Amino acid sequence: MMIDTDTLETFRDIVKEVIKAENDALREEINRAVSPIHQMLEDCHDKLRNHEHELTALDTRMLAMEANCKEMSNRYEKLQLKIDDLENRGRRCNLRILGVPEGLEQGNPSGFIAELLYRVLGDGPNGLEKPPVLDRAHRTATRAAADGGRPRPFIVCVHHYQEKERIQRLAREKGRLEFHGKQILTFRTTVQI
């Protein structure tokens, strides 16, 4: 059986139309299926762009904070050096006096220590001419040992640095200092009073 050319041509046209219709339907179905994916990709892209902007802003803030932290660290170091210097200057007029029996100061430690230093270091041509001017004097907070224990040391702030140096020099020159039969010792101190 032979098929004529017109029929074959018609058949081809029909097949083409059916394939085209199926192809269009398939494309439309694919587009409907892919359209939400495109929308989701667009949303993701927008979110990514927003995150990039936020990360850039955070990075800028972080760089500013690091610079600020470094500046504050430098300032802290400078201030710490100033504090150390001020504390050292505040302590340079301090003396620690050991060996003074307990209870002799009778509520006036500054006056008592000034008189004690004058008595112990004042005699002789190179001694103290008058009692030294003291800003403060007090015993340390530690308790004396019971009956015969060591008395608590005095911490003394001499008003003038030169006078403190002179007291130390005179104490070195005299060698052994005694008060009420007990040896008195003077030292520089690092304690702030």
C-alpha atoms as a PDB file:
ATOM      1  CA  MET A   1       0.000   0.000   0.000  1.00  0.00           C
ATOM      2  CA  MET A   2       1.197   3.224  -1.075  1.00  0.00           C
ATOM      3  CA  ILE A   3       0.474   6.502   0.559  1.00  0.00           C
ATOM      4  CA  ASP A   4       0.058   9.412  -1.642  1.00  0.00           C
ATOM      5  CA  THR A   5       2.134  12.512  -1.125  1.00  0.00           C
ATOM      6  CA  ASP A   6      -0.752  14.748  -0.169  1.00  0.00           C
ATOM      7  CA  THR A   7      -1.778  12.478   2.618  1.00  0.00           C
ATOM      8  CA  LEU A   8       1.748  12.218   3.779  1.00  0.00           C
ATOM      9  CA  GLU A   9       2.103  15.960   3.671  1.00  0.00           C
ATOM     10  CA  THR A  10      -1.148  16.381   5.605  1.00  0.00           C
ATOM     11  CA  PHE A  11      -0.005  13.792   8.102  1.00  0.00           C
ATOM     12  CA  ARG A  12       3.266  15.649   8.544  1.00  0.00           C
ATOM     13  CA  ASP A  13       1.451  18.923   9.108  1.00  0.00           C
ATOM     14  CA  ILE A  14      -0.796  17.309  11.685  1.00  0.00           C
ATOM     15  CA  VAL A  15       2.194  15.749  13.490  1.00  0.00           C
ATOM     16  CA  LYS A  16       3.984  19.095  13.416  1.00  0.00           C
ATOM     17  CA  GLU A  17       0.974  20.847  14.903  1.00  0.00           C
ATOM     18  CA  VAL A  18       0.562  18.190  17.584  1.00  0.00           C
ATOM     19  CA  ILE A  19       4.272  18.321  18.439  1.00  0.00           C
ATOM     20  CA  LYS A  20       4.154  22.120  18.448  1.00  0.00           C
ATOM     21  CA  ALA A  21       1.090  22.115  20.705  1.00  0.00           C
ATOM     22  CA  GLU A  22       2.706  19.568  23.022  1.00  0.00           C
ATOM     23  CA  ASN A  23       5.942  21.537  22.977  1.00  0.00           C
ATOM     24  CA  ASP A  24       4.107  24.789  23.830  1.00  0.00           C
ATOM     25  CA  ALA A  25       2.155  23.057  26.591  1.00  0.00           C
ATOM     26  CA  LEU A  26       5.370  21.570  27.956  1.00  0.00           C
ATOM     27  CA  ARG A  27       7.111  24.947  27.848  1.00  0.00           C
ATOM     28  CA  GLU A  28       4.229  26.573  29.657  1.00  0.00           C
ATOM     29  CA  GLU A  29       4.277  23.864  32.300  1.00  0.00           C
ATOM     30  CA  ILE A  30       8.051  24.244  32.712  1.00  0.00           C
ATOM     31  CA  ASN A  31       7.659  28.043  32.956  1.00  0.00           C
ATOM     32  CA  ARG A  32       4.974  27.607  35.635  1.00  0.00           C
ATOM     33  CA  ALA A  33       7.248  25.223  37.537  1.00  0.00           C
ATOM     34  CA  VAL A  34      10.359  27.394  37.128  1.00  0.00           C
ATOM     35  CA  SER A  35       8.653  30.744  37.826  1.00  0.00           C
ATOM     36  CA  PRO A  36       8.536  30.261  41.632  1.00  0.00           C
ATOM     37  CA  ILE A  37      12.156  29.144  41.516  1.00  0.00           C
ATOM     38  CA  HIS A  38      13.058  32.344  39.674  1.00  0.00           C
ATOM     39  CA  GLN A  39      11.173  34.343  42.299  1.00  0.00           C
ATOM     40  CA  MET A  40      12.961  32.482  45.090  1.00  0.00           C
ATOM     41  CA  LEU A  41      16.314  33.108  43.397  1.00  0.00           C
ATOM     42  CA  GLU A  42      15.484  36.808  43.085  1.00  0.00           C
ATOM     43  CA  ASP A  43      14.530  36.933  46.780  1.00  0.00           C
ATOM     44  CA  CYS A  44      17.758  35.150  47.689  1.00  0.00           C
ATOM     45  CA  HIS A  45      19.718  37.536  45.517  1.00  0.00           C
ATOM     46  CA  ASP A  46      18.069  40.541  47.220  1.00  0.00           C
ATOM     47  CA  LYS A  47      18.793  39.068  50.652  1.00  0.00           C
ATOM     48  CA  LEU A  48      22.386  38.397  49.662  1.00  0.00           C
ATOM     49  CA  ARG A  49      22.762  41.978  48.439  1.00  0.00           C
ATOM     50  CA  ASN A  50      21.308  43.252  51.751  1.00  0.00           C
ATOM     51  CA  HIS A  51      23.664  41.004  53.705  1.00  0.00           C
ATOM     52  CA  GLU A  52      26.604  42.282  51.690  1.00  0.00           C
ATOM     53  CA  HIS A  53      25.649  45.865  52.551  1.00  0.00           C
ATOM     54  CA  GLU A  54      25.215  44.941  56.208  1.00  0.00           C
ATOM     55  CA  LEU A  55      28.564  43.110  56.258  1.00  0.00           C
ATOM     56  CA  THR A  56      30.253  46.089  54.651  1.00  0.00           C
ATOM     57  CA  ALA A  57      28.714  48.371  57.274  1.00  0.00           C
ATOM     58  CA  LEU A  58      29.763  45.965  60.048  1.00  0.00           C
ATOM     59  CA  ASP A  59      33.274  45.789  58.631  1.00  0.00           C
ATOM     60  CA  THR A  60      33.472  49.584  58.604  1.00  0.00           C
ATOM     61  CA  ARG A  61      32.226  49.722  62.196  1.00  0.00           C
ATOM     62  CA  MET A  62      34.681  47.002  63.225  1.00  0.00           C
ATOM     63  CA  LEU A  63      37.598  48.898  61.698  1.00  0.00           C
ATOM     64  CA  ALA A  64      36.503  52.058  63.507  1.00  0.00           C
ATOM     65  CA  MET A  65      36.173  50.131  66.776  1.00  0.00           C
ATOM     66  CA  GLU A  66      39.631  48.576  66.359  1.00  0.00           C
ATOM     67  CA  ALA A  67      41.140  52.001  65.729  1.00  0.00           C
ATOM     68  CA  ASN A  68      39.271  53.380  68.729  1.00  0.00           C
ATOM     69  CA  CYS A  69      40.405  50.456  70.881  1.00  0.00           C
ATOM     70  CA  LYS A  70      44.023  50.970  69.835  1.00  0.00           C
ATOM     71  CA  GLU A  71      43.791  54.681  70.637  1.00  0.00           C
ATOM     72  CA  MET A  72      42.206  53.926  74.010  1.00  0.00           C
ATOM     73  CA  SER A  73      44.913  51.348  74.723  1.00  0.00           C
ATOM     74  CA  ASN A  74      47.599  53.935  73.972  1.00  0.00           C
ATOM     75  CA  ARG A  75      45.845  56.461  76.208  1.00  0.00           C
ATOM     76  CA  TYR A  76      45.524  53.837  78.937  1.00  0.00           C
ATOM     77  CA  GLU A  77      49.259  53.118  78.812  1.00  0.00           C
ATOM     78  CA  LYS A  78      50.074  56.833  79.006  1.00  0.00           C
ATOM     79  CA  LEU A  79      47.647  57.317  81.898  1.00  0.00           C
ATOM     80  CA  GLN A  80      49.073  54.276  83.681  1.00  0.00           C
ATOM     81  CA  LEU A  81      52.561  55.764  83.384  1.00  0.00           C
ATOM     82  CA  LYS A  82      51.256  59.065  84.753  1.00  0.00           C
ATOM     83  CA  ILE A  83      49.539  57.303  87.651  1.00  0.00           C
ATOM     84  CA  ASP A  84      52.716  55.374  88.460  1.00  0.00           C
ATOM     85  CA  ASP A  85      54.707  58.602  88.349  1.00  0.00           C
ATOM     86  CA  LEU A  86      52.208  60.403  90.588  1.00  0.00           C
ATOM     87  CA  GLU A  87      52.127  57.526  93.061  1.00  0.00           C
ATOM     88  CA  ASN A  88      55.906  57.385  93.154  1.00  0.00           C
ATOM     89  CA  ARG A  89      56.110  61.136  93.663  1.00  0.00           C
ATOM     90  CA  GLY A  90      53.508  60.885  96.422  1.00  0.00           C
ATOM     91  CA  ARG A  91      55.551  58.188  98.153  1.00  0.00           C
ATOM     92  CA  ARG A  92      58.967  59.747  97.847  1.00  0.00           C
ATOM     93  CA  CYS A  93      58.499  61.777 101.037  1.00  0.00           C
ATOM     94  CA  ASN A  94      57.476  58.720 103.065  1.00  0.00           C
ATOM     95  CA  LEU A  95      59.554  57.056 105.768  1.00  0.00           C
ATOM     96  CA  ARG A  96      59.012  53.849 107.691  1.00  0.00           C
ATOM     97  CA  ILE A  97      60.176  53.994 111.283  1.00  0.00           C
ATOM     98  CA  LEU A  98      60.598  50.718 113.139  1.00  0.00           C
ATOM     99  CA  GLY A  99      61.141  49.997 116.805  1.00  0.00           C
ATOM    100  CA  VAL A 100      59.087  52.737 118.485  1.00  0.00           C
ATOM    101  CA  PRO A 101      57.258  51.212 121.480  1.00  0.00           C
ATOM    102  CA  GLU A 102      53.457  51.061 121.251  1.00  0.00           C
ATOM    103  CA  GLY A 103      51.227  53.630 122.949  1.00  0.00           C
ATOM    104  CA  LEU A 104      53.741  56.483 123.356  1.00  0.00           C
ATOM    105  CA  GLU A 105      52.125  58.672 120.673  1.00  0.00           C
ATOM    106  CA  GLN A 106      49.017  59.295 122.850  1.00  0.00           C
ATOM    107  CA  GLY A 107      46.674  60.208 120.005  1.00  0.00           C
ATOM    108  CA  ASN A 108      49.085  62.592 118.219  1.00  0.00           C
ATOM    109  CA  PRO A 109      51.367  60.433 116.067  1.00  0.00           C
ATOM    110  CA  SER A 110      52.577  63.302 113.815  1.00  0.00           C
ATOM    111  CA  GLY A 111      53.660  65.489 116.737  1.00  0.00           C
ATOM    112  CA  PHE A 112      55.156  62.527 118.584  1.00  0.00           C
ATOM    113  CA  ILE A 113      57.269  61.363 115.607  1.00  0.00           C
ATOM    114  CA  ALA A 114      58.435  64.940 114.865  1.00  0.00           C
ATOM    115  CA  GLU A 115      59.645  65.255 118.482  1.00  0.00           C
ATOM    116  CA  LEU A 116      61.177  61.775 118.408  1.00  0.00           C
ATOM    117  CA  LEU A 117      63.163  62.570 115.255  1.00  0.00           C
ATOM    118  CA  TYR A 118      64.309  65.890 116.739  1.00  0.00           C
ATOM    119  CA  ARG A 119      65.476  64.173 119.954  1.00  0.00           C
ATOM    120  CA  VAL A 120      67.218  61.322 118.184  1.00  0.00           C
ATOM    121  CA  LEU A 121      68.763  63.331 115.310  1.00  0.00           C
ATOM    122  CA  GLY A 122      68.805  66.897 116.655  1.00  0.00           C
ATOM    123  CA  ASP A 123      71.853  67.036 118.873  1.00  0.00           C
ATOM    124  CA  GLY A 124      75.161  68.127 117.444  1.00  0.00           C
ATOM    125  CA  PRO A 125      76.135  70.730 114.886  1.00  0.00           C
ATOM    126  CA  ASN A 126      74.971  68.678 111.898  1.00  0.00           C
ATOM    127  CA  GLY A 127      71.675  67.534 113.481  1.00  0.00           C
ATOM    128  CA  LEU A 128      68.141  68.824 113.056  1.00  0.00           C
ATOM    129  CA  GLU A 129      67.677  72.433 114.227  1.00  0.00           C
ATOM    130  CA  LYS A 130      63.975  71.933 114.947  1.00  0.00           C
ATOM    131  CA  PRO A 131      61.381  69.149 114.709  1.00  0.00           C
ATOM    132  CA  PRO A 132      60.642  68.285 111.061  1.00  0.00           C
ATOM    133  CA  VAL A 133      57.319  69.272 109.499  1.00  0.00           C
ATOM    134  CA  LEU A 134      55.236  66.126 108.940  1.00  0.00           C
ATOM    135  CA  ASP A 135      52.093  65.911 106.854  1.00  0.00           C
ATOM    136  CA  ARG A 136      50.909  62.642 108.361  1.00  0.00           C
ATOM    137  CA  ALA A 137      52.073  59.811 110.561  1.00  0.00           C
ATOM    138  CA  HIS A 138      50.367  56.602 111.649  1.00  0.00           C
ATOM    139  CA  ARG A 139      51.134  53.076 112.639  1.00  0.00           C
ATOM    140  CA  THR A 140      50.529  50.277 110.158  1.00  0.00           C
ATOM    141  CA  ALA A 141      47.336  48.299 110.492  1.00  0.00           C
ATOM    142  CA  THR A 142      49.022  45.043 111.556  1.00  0.00           C
ATOM    143  CA  ARG A 143      48.596  44.099 115.208  1.00  0.00           C
ATOM    144  CA  ALA A 144      51.584  43.975 117.538  1.00  0.00           C
ATOM    145  CA  ALA A 145      52.470  40.576 118.899  1.00  0.00           C
ATOM    146  CA  ALA A 146      51.269  39.979 122.461  1.00  0.00           C
ATOM    147  CA  ASP A 147      53.708  40.775 125.322  1.00  0.00           C
ATOM    148  CA  GLY A 148      57.142  41.567 124.044  1.00  0.00           C
ATOM    149  CA  GLY A 149      56.334  41.316 120.336  1.00  0.00           C
ATOM    150  CA  ARG A 150      57.546  43.839 117.837  1.00  0.00           C
ATOM    151  CA  PRO A 151      55.717  47.160 117.868  1.00  0.00           C
ATOM    152  CA  ARG A 152      53.914  48.198 114.707  1.00  0.00           C
ATOM    153  CA  PRO A 153      55.988  50.422 112.414  1.00  0.00           C
ATOM    154  CA  PHE A 154      55.135  54.066 111.762  1.00  0.00           C
ATOM    155  CA  ILE A 155      54.542  55.346 108.255  1.00  0.00           C
ATOM    156  CA  VAL A 156      55.483  59.030 108.111  1.00  0.00           C
ATOM    157  CA  CYS A 157      55.004  61.584 105.327  1.00  0.00           C
ATOM    158  CA  VAL A 158      57.615  64.347 105.659  1.00  0.00           C
ATOM    159  CA  HIS A 159      56.409  67.638 104.189  1.00  0.00           C
ATOM    160  CA  HIS A 160      59.654  68.499 102.354  1.00  0.00           C
ATOM    161  CA  TYR A 161      61.575  65.931 100.352  1.00  0.00           C
ATOM    162  CA  GLN A 162      64.911  67.526 101.228  1.00  0.00           C
ATOM    163  CA  GLU A 163      64.062  67.213 104.910  1.00  0.00           C
ATOM    164  CA  LYS A 164      63.260  63.528 104.456  1.00  0.00           C
ATOM    165  CA  GLU A 165      66.582  63.012 102.697  1.00  0.00           C
ATOM    166  CA  ARG A 166      68.352  64.880 105.505  1.00  0.00           C
ATOM    167  CA  ILE A 167      66.667  62.672 108.129  1.00  0.00           C
ATOM    168  CA  GLN A 168      67.829  59.554 106.273  1.00  0.00           C
ATOM    169  CA  ARG A 169      71.357  60.930 105.868  1.00  0.00           C
ATOM    170  CA  LEU A 170      71.584  61.841 109.561  1.00  0.00           C
ATOM    171  CA  ALA A 171      70.256  58.396 110.538  1.00  0.00           C
ATOM    172  CA  ARG A 172      72.954  56.724 108.398  1.00  0.00           C
ATOM    173  CA  GLU A 173      75.675  58.977 109.835  1.00  0.00           C
ATOM    174  CA  LYS A 174      74.637  58.346 113.443  1.00  0.00           C
ATOM    175  CA  GLY A 175      74.538  54.614 112.910  1.00  0.00           C
ATOM    176  CA  ARG A 176      72.537  53.191 115.805  1.00  0.00           C
ATOM    177  CA  LEU A 177      69.510  55.281 116.863  1.00  0.00           C
ATOM    178  CA  GLU A 178      67.945  54.616 120.268  1.00  0.00           C
ATOM    179  CA  PHE A 179      64.748  55.757 121.951  1.00  0.00           C
ATOM    180  CA  HIS A 180      63.769  54.536 125.431  1.00  0.00           C
ATOM    181  CA  GLY A 181      66.517  51.935 125.217  1.00  0.00           C
ATOM    182  CA  LYS A 182      65.164  50.456 121.971  1.00  0.00           C
ATOM    183  CA  GLN A 183      66.827  50.648 118.569  1.00  0.00           C
ATOM    184  CA  ILE A 184      65.014  52.822 116.027  1.00  0.00           C
ATOM    185  CA  LEU A 185      65.369  52.149 112.299  1.00  0.00           C
ATOM    186  CA  THR A 186      64.314  54.393 109.395  1.00  0.00           C
ATOM    187  CA  PHE A 187      63.674  53.217 105.841  1.00  0.00           C
ATOM    188  CA  ARG A 188      62.279  54.591 102.644  1.00  0.00           C
ATOM    189  CA  THR A 189      58.854  53.205 102.031  1.00  0.00           C
ATOM    190  CA  THR A 190      56.698  52.490  99.013  1.00  0.00           C
ATOM    191  CA  VAL A 191      53.508  52.644 101.065  1.00  0.00           C
ATOM    192  CA  GLN A 192      51.123  55.477 100.176  1.00  0.00           C
ATOM    193  CA  ILE A 193      49.523  57.097 103.217  1.00  0.00           C
END
